[in-house]
Amino acid sequence: MKWGELRRIAVSNGWILKRNGSNHDIYHHPDREDLLLISRHSSEEIKNGTFNKLKKQIGF
């Protein structure tokens, strides 16, 4: 999966862009306290370990 696809899934699951970091976009969810960091390299593939961690955090 690519970073751009993950970003679209996160937004559809209720994550809201909080701010732009230097290399990542930082999202928050109104029902959670943690932050979600998504790389800006939208056409680059996500590594498997990173993808599994973010998948659990996003909730899909």
PDB file of N, CA and C in Angstrom:
ATOM      1  N   MET A   1       0.848  -1.169   0.000  1.00  0.00           N
ATOM      2  CA  MET A   1       0.000   0.000   0.000  1.00  0.00           C
ATOM      3  C   MET A   1       0.896   1.236   0.000  1.00  0.00           C
ATOM      4  N   LYS A   2       0.422   2.274  -0.629  1.00  0.00           N
ATOM      5  CA  LYS A   2       1.171   3.523  -0.713  1.00  0.00           C
ATOM      6  C   LYS A   2       0.677   4.504   0.345  1.00  0.00           C
ATOM      7  N   TRP A   3       1.507   5.497   0.657  1.00  0.00           N
ATOM      8  CA  TRP A   3       1.181   6.470   1.696  1.00  0.00           C
ATOM      9  C   TRP A   3      -0.079   7.267   1.358  1.00  0.00           C
ATOM     10  N   GLY A   4      -0.293   7.574   0.092  1.00  0.00           N
ATOM     11  CA  GLY A   4      -1.478   8.326  -0.318  1.00  0.00           C
ATOM     12  C   GLY A   4      -2.767   7.560  -0.058  1.00  0.00           C
ATOM     13  N   GLU A   5      -2.732   6.246  -0.308  1.00  0.00           N
ATOM     14  CA  GLU A   5      -3.908   5.407  -0.043  1.00  0.00           C
ATOM     15  C   GLU A   5      -4.189   5.351   1.457  1.00  0.00           C
ATOM     16  N   LEU A   6      -3.128   5.226   2.257  1.00  0.00           N
ATOM     17  CA  LEU A   6      -3.292   5.181   3.710  1.00  0.00           C
ATOM     18  C   LEU A   6      -3.872   6.495   4.231  1.00  0.00           C
ATOM     19  N   ARG A   7      -3.435   7.608   3.660  1.00  0.00           N
ATOM     20  CA  ARG A   7      -3.943   8.918   4.063  1.00  0.00           C
ATOM     21  C   ARG A   7      -5.456   9.006   3.796  1.00  0.00           C
ATOM     22  N   ARG A   8      -5.907   8.538   2.641  1.00  0.00           N
ATOM     23  CA  ARG A   8      -7.339   8.571   2.322  1.00  0.00           C
ATOM     24  C   ARG A   8      -8.144   7.691   3.280  1.00  0.00           C
ATOM     25  N   ILE A   9      -7.613   6.521   3.636  1.00  0.00           N
ATOM     26  CA  ILE A   9      -8.296   5.632   4.574  1.00  0.00           C
ATOM     27  C   ILE A   9      -8.380   6.275   5.951  1.00  0.00           C
ATOM     28  N   ALA A  10      -7.303   6.907   6.391  1.00  0.00           N
ATOM     29  CA  ALA A  10      -7.290   7.551   7.708  1.00  0.00           C
ATOM     30  C   ALA A  10      -8.326   8.664   7.781  1.00  0.00           C
ATOM     31  N   VAL A  11      -8.401   9.484   6.758  1.00  0.00           N
ATOM     32  CA  VAL A  11      -9.374  10.583   6.743  1.00  0.00           C
ATOM     33  C   VAL A  11     -10.798  10.037   6.724  1.00  0.00           C
ATOM     34  N   SER A  12     -11.024   8.957   5.994  1.00  0.00           N
ATOM     35  CA  SER A  12     -12.369   8.386   5.951  1.00  0.00           C
ATOM     36  C   SER A  12     -12.752   7.733   7.281  1.00  0.00           C
ATOM     37  N   ASN A  13     -11.754   7.386   8.124  1.00  0.00           N
ATOM     38  CA  ASN A  13     -12.021   6.819   9.437  1.00  0.00           C
ATOM     39  C   ASN A  13     -12.059   7.872  10.539  1.00  0.00           C
ATOM     40  N   GLY A  14     -12.065   9.147  10.181  1.00  0.00           N
ATOM     41  CA  GLY A  14     -12.255  10.205  11.164  1.00  0.00           C
ATOM     42  C   GLY A  14     -11.006  10.944  11.603  1.00  0.00           C
ATOM     43  N   TRP A  15      -9.843  10.634  11.058  1.00  0.00           N
ATOM     44  CA  TRP A  15      -8.619  11.343  11.422  1.00  0.00           C
ATOM     45  C   TRP A  15      -8.597  12.697  10.726  1.00  0.00           C
ATOM     46  N   ILE A  16      -8.180  13.725  11.447  1.00  0.00           N
ATOM     47  CA  ILE A  16      -8.192  15.106  10.956  1.00  0.00           C
ATOM     48  C   ILE A  16      -6.767  15.644  10.966  1.00  0.00           C
ATOM     49  N   LEU A  17      -6.381  16.330   9.890  1.00  0.00           N
ATOM     50  CA  LEU A  17      -5.046  16.917   9.799  1.00  0.00           C
ATOM     51  C   LEU A  17      -4.895  17.989  10.872  1.00  0.00           C
ATOM     52  N   LYS A  18      -3.910  17.811  11.732  1.00  0.00           N
ATOM     53  CA  LYS A  18      -3.655  18.770  12.809  1.00  0.00           C
ATOM     54  C   LYS A  18      -2.619  19.793  12.368  1.00  0.00           C
ATOM     55  N   ARG A  19      -1.491  19.303  11.826  1.00  0.00           N
ATOM     56  CA  ARG A  19      -0.451  20.207  11.348  1.00  0.00           C
ATOM     57  C   ARG A  19       0.503  19.447  10.432  1.00  0.00           C
ATOM     58  N   ASN A  20       1.329  20.210   9.748  1.00  0.00           N
ATOM     59  CA  ASN A  20       2.350  19.623   8.882  1.00  0.00           C
ATOM     60  C   ASN A  20       3.685  19.679   9.602  1.00  0.00           C
ATOM     61  N   GLY A  21       4.321  18.524   9.737  1.00  0.00           N
ATOM     62  CA  GLY A  21       5.676  18.475  10.269  1.00  0.00           C
ATOM     63  C   GLY A  21       6.657  18.665   9.132  1.00  0.00           C
ATOM     64  N   SER A  22       7.936  18.454   9.393  1.00  0.00           N
ATOM     65  CA  SER A  22       8.930  18.657   8.344  1.00  0.00           C
ATOM     66  C   SER A  22       8.866  17.556   7.284  1.00  0.00           C
ATOM     67  N   ASN A  23       8.647  16.300   7.704  1.00  0.00           N
ATOM     68  CA  ASN A  23       8.595  15.187   6.751  1.00  0.00           C
ATOM     69  C   ASN A  23       7.283  14.426   6.783  1.00  0.00           C
ATOM     70  N   HIS A  24       6.451  14.691   7.781  1.00  0.00           N
ATOM     71  CA  HIS A  24       5.214  13.946   7.959  1.00  0.00           C
ATOM     72  C   HIS A  24       4.051  14.907   8.195  1.00  0.00           C
ATOM     73  N   ASP A  25       2.857  14.449   7.862  1.00  0.00           N
ATOM     74  CA  ASP A  25       1.643  15.149   8.244  1.00  0.00           C
ATOM     75  C   ASP A  25       1.156  14.523   9.541  1.00  0.00           C
ATOM     76  N   ILE A  26       0.699  15.346  10.463  1.00  0.00           N
ATOM     77  CA  ILE A  26       0.301  14.880  11.782  1.00  0.00           C
ATOM     78  C   ILE A  26      -1.210  14.983  11.901  1.00  0.00           C
ATOM     79  N   TYR A  27      -1.863  13.852  12.179  1.00  0.00           N
ATOM     80  CA  TYR A  27      -3.314  13.764  12.265  1.00  0.00           C
ATOM     81  C   TYR A  27      -3.720  13.443  13.693  1.00  0.00           C
ATOM     82  N   HIS A  28      -4.906  13.889  14.087  1.00  0.00           N
ATOM     83  CA  HIS A  28      -5.472  13.499  15.379  1.00  0.00           C
ATOM     84  C   HIS A  28      -6.896  13.026  15.164  1.00  0.00           C
ATOM     85  N   HIS A  29      -7.389  12.256  16.121  1.00  0.00           N
ATOM     86  CA  HIS A  29      -8.754  11.733  16.072  1.00  0.00           C
ATOM     87  C   HIS A  29      -9.495  12.309  17.263  1.00  0.00           C
ATOM     88  N   PRO A  30     -10.718  12.801  17.079  1.00  0.00           N
ATOM     89  CA  PRO A  30     -11.439  13.430  18.186  1.00  0.00           C
ATOM     90  C   PRO A  30     -11.708  12.490  19.364  1.00  0.00           C
ATOM     91  N   ASP A  31     -11.749  11.179  19.130  1.00  0.00           N
ATOM     92  CA  ASP A  31     -12.062  10.232  20.197  1.00  0.00           C
ATOM     93  C   ASP A  31     -10.821   9.610  20.833  1.00  0.00           C
ATOM     94  N   ARG A  32      -9.634   9.953  20.346  1.00  0.00           N
ATOM     95  CA  ARG A  32      -8.400   9.345  20.844  1.00  0.00           C
ATOM     96  C   ARG A  32      -7.408  10.420  21.235  1.00  0.00           C
ATOM     97  N   GLU A  33      -6.447  10.040  22.069  1.00  0.00           N
ATOM     98  CA  GLU A  33      -5.432  10.994  22.510  1.00  0.00           C
ATOM     99  C   GLU A  33      -4.148  10.920  21.693  1.00  0.00           C
ATOM    100  N   ASP A  34      -3.930   9.809  20.976  1.00  0.00           N
ATOM    101  CA  ASP A  34      -2.685   9.643  20.241  1.00  0.00           C
ATOM    102  C   ASP A  34      -2.700  10.388  18.908  1.00  0.00           C
ATOM    103  N   LEU A  35      -1.516  10.581  18.351  1.00  0.00           N
ATOM    104  CA  LEU A  35      -1.355  11.246  17.061  1.00  0.00           C
ATOM    105  C   LEU A  35      -0.938  10.215  16.023  1.00  0.00           C
ATOM    106  N   LEU A  36      -1.265  10.493  14.786  1.00  0.00           N
ATOM    107  CA  LEU A  36      -0.941   9.623  13.662  1.00  0.00           C
ATOM    108  C   LEU A  36       0.004  10.381  12.742  1.00  0.00           C
ATOM    109  N   LEU A  37       1.169   9.798  12.459  1.00  0.00           N
ATOM    110  CA  LEU A  37       2.148  10.421  11.567  1.00  0.00           C
ATOM    111  C   LEU A  37       2.120   9.711  10.226  1.00  0.00           C
ATOM    112  N   ILE A  38       1.854  10.464   9.165  1.00  0.00           N
ATOM    113  CA  ILE A  38       1.807   9.899   7.817  1.00  0.00           C
ATOM    114  C   ILE A  38       2.813  10.648   6.949  1.00  0.00           C
ATOM    115  N   SER A  39       3.688   9.888   6.322  1.00  0.00           N
ATOM    116  CA  SER A  39       4.734  10.461   5.483  1.00  0.00           C
ATOM    117  C   SER A  39       4.131  11.192   4.284  1.00  0.00           C
ATOM    118  N   ARG A  40       4.844  12.179   3.788  1.00  0.00           N
ATOM    119  CA  ARG A  40       4.365  12.922   2.622  1.00  0.00           C
ATOM    120  C   ARG A  40       4.769  12.285   1.303  1.00  0.00           C
ATOM    121  N   HIS A  41       5.471  11.172   1.333  1.00  0.00           N
ATOM    122  CA  HIS A  41       5.890  10.477   0.108  1.00  0.00           C
ATOM    123  C   HIS A  41       4.726   9.624  -0.381  1.00  0.00           C
ATOM    124  N   SER A  42       3.726  10.255  -0.966  1.00  0.00           N
ATOM    125  CA  SER A  42       2.470   9.572  -1.270  1.00  0.00           C
ATOM    126  C   SER A  42       2.605   8.449  -2.294  1.00  0.00           C
ATOM    127  N   SER A  43       3.611   8.471  -3.152  1.00  0.00           N
ATOM    128  CA  SER A  43       3.742   7.415  -4.155  1.00  0.00           C
ATOM    129  C   SER A  43       4.676   6.300  -3.702  1.00  0.00           C
ATOM    130  N   GLU A  44       5.251   6.411  -2.516  1.00  0.00           N
ATOM    131  CA  GLU A  44       6.180   5.415  -2.001  1.00  0.00           C
ATOM    132  C   GLU A  44       5.434   4.323  -1.239  1.00  0.00           C
ATOM    133  N   GLU A  45       5.898   3.093  -1.372  1.00  0.00           N
ATOM    134  CA  GLU A  45       5.287   1.963  -0.658  1.00  0.00           C
ATOM    135  C   GLU A  45       5.630   2.029   0.823  1.00  0.00           C
ATOM    136  N   ILE A  46       4.686   1.591   1.664  1.00  0.00           N
ATOM    137  CA  ILE A  46       4.900   1.538   3.108  1.00  0.00           C
ATOM    138  C   ILE A  46       5.520   0.193   3.449  1.00  0.00           C
ATOM    139  N   LYS A  47       6.512   0.197   4.331  1.00  0.00           N
ATOM    140  CA  LYS A  47       7.128  -1.054   4.764  1.00  0.00           C
ATOM    141  C   LYS A  47       6.132  -1.833   5.613  1.00  0.00           C
ATOM    142  N   ASN A  48       6.248  -3.163   5.610  1.00  0.00           N
ATOM    143  CA  ASN A  48       5.261  -4.032   6.250  1.00  0.00           C
ATOM    144  C   ASN A  48       5.079  -3.759   7.739  1.00  0.00           C
ATOM    145  N   GLY A  49       6.150  -3.616   8.502  1.00  0.00           N
ATOM    146  CA  GLY A  49       6.037  -3.369   9.930  1.00  0.00           C
ATOM    147  C   GLY A  49       5.356  -2.044  10.233  1.00  0.00           C
ATOM    148  N   THR A  50       5.718  -1.025   9.494  1.00  0.00           N
ATOM    149  CA  THR A  50       5.106   0.295   9.659  1.00  0.00           C
ATOM    150  C   THR A  50       3.628   0.247   9.292  1.00  0.00           C
ATOM    151  N   PHE A  51       3.315  -0.457   8.213  1.00  0.00           N
ATOM    152  CA  PHE A  51       1.932  -0.570   7.775  1.00  0.00           C
ATOM    153  C   PHE A  51       1.075  -1.261   8.828  1.00  0.00           C
ATOM    154  N   ASN A  52       1.573  -2.350   9.410  1.00  0.00           N
ATOM    155  CA  ASN A  52       0.799  -3.073  10.424  1.00  0.00           C
ATOM    156  C   ASN A  52       0.553  -2.215  11.656  1.00  0.00           C
ATOM    157  N   LYS A  53       1.554  -1.440  12.076  1.00  0.00           N
ATOM    158  CA  LYS A  53       1.394  -0.553  13.231  1.00  0.00           C
ATOM    159  C   LYS A  53       0.343   0.518  12.940  1.00  0.00           C
ATOM    160  N   LEU A  54       0.432   1.148  11.775  1.00  0.00           N
ATOM    161  CA  LEU A  54      -0.509   2.212  11.429  1.00  0.00           C
ATOM    162  C   LEU A  54      -1.915   1.672  11.201  1.00  0.00           C
ATOM    163  N   LYS A  55      -2.012   0.467  10.672  1.00  0.00           N
ATOM    164  CA  LYS A  55      -3.331  -0.157  10.444  1.00  0.00           C
ATOM    165  C   LYS A  55      -4.063  -0.341  11.771  1.00  0.00           C
ATOM    166  N   LYS A  56      -3.363  -0.795  12.784  1.00  0.00           N
ATOM    167  CA  LYS A  56      -3.975  -0.952  14.110  1.00  0.00           C
ATOM    168  C   LYS A  56      -4.355   0.397  14.701  1.00  0.00           C
ATOM    169  N   GLN A  57      -3.476   1.394  14.518  1.00  0.00           N
ATOM    170  CA  GLN A  57      -3.736   2.711  15.074  1.00  0.00           C
ATOM    171  C   GLN A  57      -4.925   3.386  14.402  1.00  0.00           C
ATOM    172  N   ILE A  58      -5.052   3.247  13.087  1.00  0.00           N
ATOM    173  CA  ILE A  58      -6.155   3.857  12.357  1.00  0.00           C
ATOM    174  C   ILE A  58      -7.465   3.121  12.667  1.00  0.00           C
ATOM    175  N   GLY A  59      -7.406   1.813  12.752  1.00  0.00           N
ATOM    176  CA  GLY A  59      -8.585   1.040  13.089  1.00  0.00           C
ATOM    177  C   GLY A  59      -9.305   0.427  11.899  1.00  0.00           C
ATOM    178  N   PHE A  60      -8.547  -0.130  10.956  1.00  0.00           N
ATOM    179  CA  PHE A  60      -9.169  -0.850   9.838  1.00  0.00           C
ATOM    180  C   PHE A  60      -8.560  -2.201   9.669  1.00  0.00           C
TER     181      PHE A  60
END
